[in-house]
Amino acid sequence: MARDNHHKNRQSFGKRKRPRIEEPVSAGGVVYRKGDGEIQTVLCGRDNPVRWSLAKGTPDPGETMEQTALREVREETGLEVEIEEPIQSIDYWFADRESDVRYHKTVHFYLMNTVGGDTNLHDPEFDVVQWFACDEALQTLAYTNEADVLRKALELISQRERGV
């Protein structure tokens, strides 16, 4: 009898429903400027909990990744920007256990420079948008993969300055 119960338990365990997987995509940028002889970048922050990140967001229907990156950076930072070149794409997993969904998200980042605007004009999604010296920004970013994107952006900027 115990053997039959064990067999039943194994069967029901094997039939456990797997979470649905979705693969959202977004785009954003590393915005930089040269100020006081150093390169600075802009970060978007939330106050509670304190968390700093790069500007990024989800495409509107029909938008290319580049158009999404330009729009999201403009909305979230208040800055008018232009794309210089792609930096890299990152991906990561997160879950919504209530709706039993796992997400495998990809974010495409672009190197951008400012052509106008003002960080005081950022949308309400963030509490504060601020310029940081890149060394400080690397220590301040909440997510390691975004710090890696910033490091890669700094390499690209350095290569541009050296004419590589």
Protein backbone atom coordinates (compact mmCIF):
# COMPACT_ATOMS: atom_id res chain seq x y z
CA MET A 1 0.00 0.00 0.00
CA ALA A 2 2.75 2.44 0.90
CA ARG A 3 4.32 1.65 -2.44
CA ASP A 4 1.10 2.67 -4.26
CA ASN A 5 0.97 6.03 -2.44
CA HIS A 6 4.61 6.66 -3.28
CA HIS A 7 3.85 5.95 -6.94
CA LYS A 8 0.84 8.34 -6.89
CA ASN A 9 2.93 11.11 -5.33
CA ARG A 10 5.59 10.71 -7.99
CA GLN A 11 2.97 10.94 -10.71
CA SER A 12 1.40 14.14 -9.40
CA PHE A 13 4.83 15.67 -8.82
CA GLY A 14 5.77 14.95 -12.43
CA LYS A 15 2.64 16.72 -13.69
CA ARG A 16 3.38 20.00 -11.92
CA LYS A 17 2.44 22.90 -14.16
CA ARG A 18 5.43 24.79 -15.53
CA PRO A 19 5.31 28.60 -15.45
CA ARG A 20 4.64 30.38 -18.73
CA ILE A 21 7.73 32.09 -20.17
CA GLU A 22 7.53 35.50 -21.80
CA GLU A 23 10.38 37.35 -23.52
CA PRO A 24 9.91 41.13 -23.26
CA VAL A 25 12.34 43.51 -24.95
CA SER A 26 13.28 47.07 -24.10
CA ALA A 27 15.85 49.67 -25.10
CA GLY A 28 17.73 52.52 -23.47
CA GLY A 29 20.99 54.34 -23.36
CA VAL A 30 24.10 55.54 -21.66
CA VAL A 31 24.00 59.30 -22.05
CA TYR A 32 27.32 61.07 -21.59
CA ARG A 33 28.89 64.50 -21.67
CA LYS A 34 32.31 65.94 -20.95
CA GLY A 35 32.41 68.32 -18.03
CA ASP A 36 35.29 69.66 -15.94
CA GLY A 37 37.76 67.49 -17.86
CA GLU A 38 35.90 64.25 -17.08
CA ILE A 39 33.21 62.16 -18.65
CA GLN A 40 29.87 62.27 -16.88
CA THR A 41 26.79 60.11 -17.33
CA VAL A 42 23.18 60.56 -16.30
CA LEU A 43 21.38 58.11 -13.98
CA CYS A 44 17.72 57.85 -13.04
CA GLY A 45 16.90 57.34 -9.37
CA ARG A 46 14.09 56.26 -7.11
CA ASP A 47 13.97 57.34 -3.47
CA ASN A 48 12.26 54.43 -1.74
CA PRO A 49 14.17 52.20 -1.84
CA VAL A 50 17.12 54.22 -3.17
CA ARG A 51 17.98 52.67 -6.51
CA TRP A 52 19.84 54.17 -9.49
CA SER A 53 19.62 52.83 -13.03
CA LEU A 54 20.11 53.65 -16.69
CA ALA A 55 17.17 55.03 -18.66
CA LYS A 56 15.32 52.32 -20.59
CA GLY A 57 11.83 51.21 -21.50
CA THR A 58 9.43 49.22 -23.63
CA PRO A 59 8.76 49.84 -27.32
CA ASP A 60 5.52 51.37 -28.50
CA PRO A 61 3.87 49.45 -31.38
CA GLY A 62 5.87 49.83 -34.59
CA GLU A 63 8.94 51.39 -32.96
CA THR A 64 12.46 50.20 -33.73
CA MET A 65 14.81 49.60 -30.81
CA GLU A 66 16.64 52.83 -31.69
CA GLN A 67 13.39 54.84 -31.68
CA THR A 68 12.42 53.27 -28.37
CA ALA A 69 15.80 54.10 -26.83
CA LEU A 70 15.62 57.74 -27.99
CA ARG A 71 12.04 58.20 -26.73
CA GLU A 72 12.54 56.45 -23.39
CA VAL A 73 15.76 58.34 -22.63
CA ARG A 74 14.10 61.64 -23.55
CA GLU A 75 11.06 60.90 -21.37
CA GLU A 76 12.95 59.51 -18.38
CA THR A 77 15.83 62.02 -18.32
CA GLY A 78 14.37 65.20 -19.85
CA LEU A 79 17.34 65.30 -22.23
CA GLU A 80 17.32 65.48 -26.01
CA VAL A 81 19.82 62.88 -27.21
CA GLU A 82 21.21 61.29 -30.33
CA ILE A 83 22.55 57.78 -30.77
CA GLU A 84 26.24 57.40 -31.54
CA GLU A 85 26.38 53.58 -31.69
CA PRO A 86 25.07 50.39 -30.08
CA ILE A 87 26.83 49.38 -26.84
CA GLN A 88 25.52 45.91 -26.08
CA SER A 89 22.42 43.98 -25.10
CA ILE A 90 21.89 42.39 -21.71
CA ASP A 91 19.39 39.78 -20.64
CA TYR A 92 18.11 38.57 -17.32
CA TRP A 93 15.33 36.51 -15.76
CA PHE A 94 12.67 37.51 -13.26
CA ALA A 95 9.37 35.99 -12.17
CA ASP A 96 5.84 36.98 -11.29
CA ARG A 97 4.87 34.13 -8.99
CA GLU A 98 1.26 35.29 -8.56
CA SER A 99 0.52 34.91 -12.27
CA ASP A 100 2.99 32.01 -12.65
CA VAL A 101 5.05 33.74 -15.35
CA ARG A 102 8.82 33.77 -15.81
CA TYR A 103 10.28 36.59 -17.89
CA HIS A 104 13.47 36.44 -19.93
CA LYS A 105 14.07 40.12 -20.67
CA THR A 106 16.50 41.59 -23.20
CA VAL A 107 17.54 45.25 -23.04
CA HIS A 108 19.38 46.91 -25.94
CA PHE A 109 21.63 49.82 -24.89
CA TYR A 110 23.01 52.60 -27.08
CA LEU A 111 25.75 55.17 -26.54
CA MET A 112 24.15 58.64 -26.66
CA ASN A 113 25.23 62.23 -26.43
CA THR A 114 23.13 65.19 -25.40
CA VAL A 115 21.93 67.80 -27.86
CA GLY A 116 19.66 69.72 -25.47
CA GLY A 117 17.05 69.38 -22.78
CA ASP A 118 17.22 69.56 -19.00
CA THR A 119 17.18 66.79 -16.38
CA ASN A 120 14.58 68.79 -14.42
CA LEU A 121 12.12 67.96 -17.22
CA HIS A 122 12.19 64.19 -16.57
CA ASP A 123 8.90 62.31 -16.31
CA PRO A 124 7.47 61.21 -12.93
CA GLU A 125 8.63 57.60 -13.33
CA PHE A 126 11.79 58.57 -11.42
CA ASP A 127 12.19 60.76 -8.35
CA VAL A 128 15.48 62.27 -9.48
CA VAL A 129 17.68 62.34 -12.58
CA GLN A 130 21.26 63.42 -12.04
CA TRP A 131 24.68 63.65 -13.71
CA PHE A 132 27.48 61.59 -12.14
CA ALA A 133 31.20 61.30 -12.76
CA CYS A 134 31.52 57.87 -14.39
CA ASP A 135 33.59 56.39 -11.53
CA GLU A 136 30.87 57.39 -9.08
CA ALA A 137 28.13 56.14 -11.43
CA LEU A 138 29.78 52.71 -11.59
CA GLN A 139 29.61 52.50 -7.79
CA THR A 140 26.06 53.90 -7.66
CA LEU A 141 24.24 51.76 -10.24
CA ALA A 142 21.96 49.22 -8.55
CA TYR A 143 22.47 46.46 -11.12
CA THR A 144 25.81 44.85 -11.98
CA ASN A 145 24.80 44.21 -15.59
CA GLU A 146 24.07 47.93 -16.06
CA ALA A 147 27.49 48.79 -14.58
CA ASP A 148 28.97 46.42 -17.18
CA VAL A 149 27.09 48.34 -19.90
CA LEU A 150 28.53 51.61 -18.56
CA ARG A 151 32.07 50.14 -18.57
CA LYS A 152 31.62 49.08 -22.20
CA ALA A 153 30.31 52.57 -23.05
CA LEU A 154 33.42 54.13 -21.47
CA GLU A 155 35.60 51.82 -23.59
CA LEU A 156 33.77 52.99 -26.72
CA ILE A 157 34.17 56.65 -25.73
CA SER A 158 37.87 56.10 -25.07
CA GLN A 159 38.31 54.42 -28.46
CA ARG A 160 36.56 57.34 -30.16
CA GLU A 161 38.86 59.84 -28.44
CA ARG A 162 41.93 57.85 -29.54
CA GLY A 163 40.56 57.61 -33.07
CA VAL A 164 40.46 53.82 -32.98
